[in-house]
């Protein structure tokens, strides 16, 4: 899988169903192993403002599908985006 393919996948928390956003960066070890996926911080627009994003440890990845990456993060670890909290 290439980095550009990985960036197209949306990250979903299996603990609470929150959409965390698409992968925007990776944290790599010196030998090239993935240590963490980085997703944009809530309320930021990727590419508009410099931010470090939110790291999600590689050990938290449960499964990678064709369109999504499922991660297991305890509730409250990452805040969902404001638009996902509103009920219609």
Protein backbone atom coordinates (compact mmCIF):
# COMPACT_ATOMS: atom_id res chain seq x y z
CA UNK A 1 0.00 0.00 0.00
CA UNK A 2 1.32 3.43 -0.89
CA UNK A 3 1.20 6.55 1.27
CA UNK A 4 -1.25 8.21 -1.15
CA UNK A 5 -3.60 5.21 -0.82
CA UNK A 6 -3.30 5.34 2.96
CA UNK A 7 -4.19 9.06 3.00
CA UNK A 8 -7.50 8.30 1.26
CA UNK A 9 -8.71 6.06 4.08
CA UNK A 10 -10.91 7.47 6.84
CA UNK A 11 -10.01 6.58 10.43
CA UNK A 12 -12.91 5.34 12.60
CA UNK A 13 -12.77 4.66 16.34
CA UNK A 14 -14.44 1.30 17.06
CA UNK A 15 -15.02 2.19 20.72
CA UNK A 16 -17.47 5.02 20.04
CA UNK A 17 -17.92 5.10 16.26
CA UNK A 18 -16.33 8.56 15.94
CA UNK A 19 -14.95 9.58 12.56
CA UNK A 20 -11.46 10.91 13.25
CA UNK A 21 -10.68 12.07 9.71
CA UNK A 22 -8.34 10.87 7.02
CA UNK A 23 -4.69 10.05 7.60
CA UNK A 24 -2.69 13.24 7.00
CA UNK A 25 0.78 12.08 8.06
CA UNK A 26 2.77 9.19 9.51
CA UNK A 27 5.22 8.90 12.37
CA UNK A 28 8.01 6.57 11.25
CA UNK A 29 10.86 4.89 13.07
CA UNK A 30 14.41 5.31 11.79
CA UNK A 31 14.15 1.96 10.03
CA UNK A 32 10.90 2.94 8.26
CA UNK A 33 8.29 1.18 10.41
CA UNK A 34 5.03 3.01 11.09
CA UNK A 35 4.82 4.08 14.73
CA UNK A 36 1.63 6.14 14.47
CA UNK A 37 -0.98 7.44 12.06
CA UNK A 38 -1.56 11.19 12.26
CA UNK A 39 -5.08 12.58 11.77
CA UNK A 40 -5.94 16.30 11.65
CA UNK A 41 -6.84 18.00 14.91
CA UNK A 42 -10.59 18.60 15.35
CA UNK A 43 -11.83 21.87 13.84
CA UNK A 44 -8.73 22.32 11.67
CA UNK A 45 -8.74 22.39 7.90
CA UNK A 46 -5.96 20.17 6.64
CA UNK A 47 -3.36 22.16 4.77
CA UNK A 48 -4.72 25.58 5.79
CA UNK A 49 -2.97 25.90 9.13
CA UNK A 50 0.14 24.18 10.37
CA UNK A 51 -0.66 21.77 13.16
CA UNK A 52 0.92 18.61 14.40
CA UNK A 53 -2.27 16.59 14.24
CA UNK A 54 -3.27 13.81 16.58
CA UNK A 55 -1.08 10.69 16.66
CA UNK A 56 -2.79 7.31 16.83
CA UNK A 57 -0.39 4.56 17.86
CA UNK A 58 0.07 1.80 15.31
CA UNK A 59 -0.76 -0.68 18.07
CA UNK A 60 -4.29 0.84 18.22
CA UNK A 61 -5.04 -0.13 14.60
CA UNK A 62 -7.55 -2.97 14.61
CA UNK A 63 -8.11 -3.46 10.89
CA UNK A 64 -7.54 -1.79 7.53
CA UNK A 65 -10.29 -2.06 5.01
CA UNK A 66 -10.63 -0.86 1.44
CA UNK A 67 -11.97 2.57 2.50
CA UNK A 68 -11.44 2.81 6.27
CA UNK A 69 -8.96 2.16 9.04
CA UNK A 70 -10.52 0.92 12.28
CA UNK A 71 -8.76 1.89 15.48
CA UNK A 72 -9.54 1.13 19.11
CA UNK A 73 -9.17 4.21 21.32
CA UNK A 74 -10.74 4.55 24.78
CA UNK A 75 -13.61 7.02 24.88
CA UNK A 76 -12.43 10.58 25.41
CA UNK A 77 -8.96 9.96 23.97
CA UNK A 78 -9.79 11.92 20.81
CA UNK A 79 -12.63 14.42 20.55
CA UNK A 80 -14.99 14.04 17.56
CA UNK A 81 -15.40 16.98 15.22
CA UNK A 82 -18.13 19.46 16.17
CA UNK A 83 -20.20 18.65 13.07
CA UNK A 84 -20.35 14.99 14.11
CA UNK A 85 -21.70 15.86 17.58
CA UNK A 86 -24.75 17.74 16.30
CA UNK A 87 -27.99 15.80 16.01
CA UNK A 88 -30.45 16.65 13.22
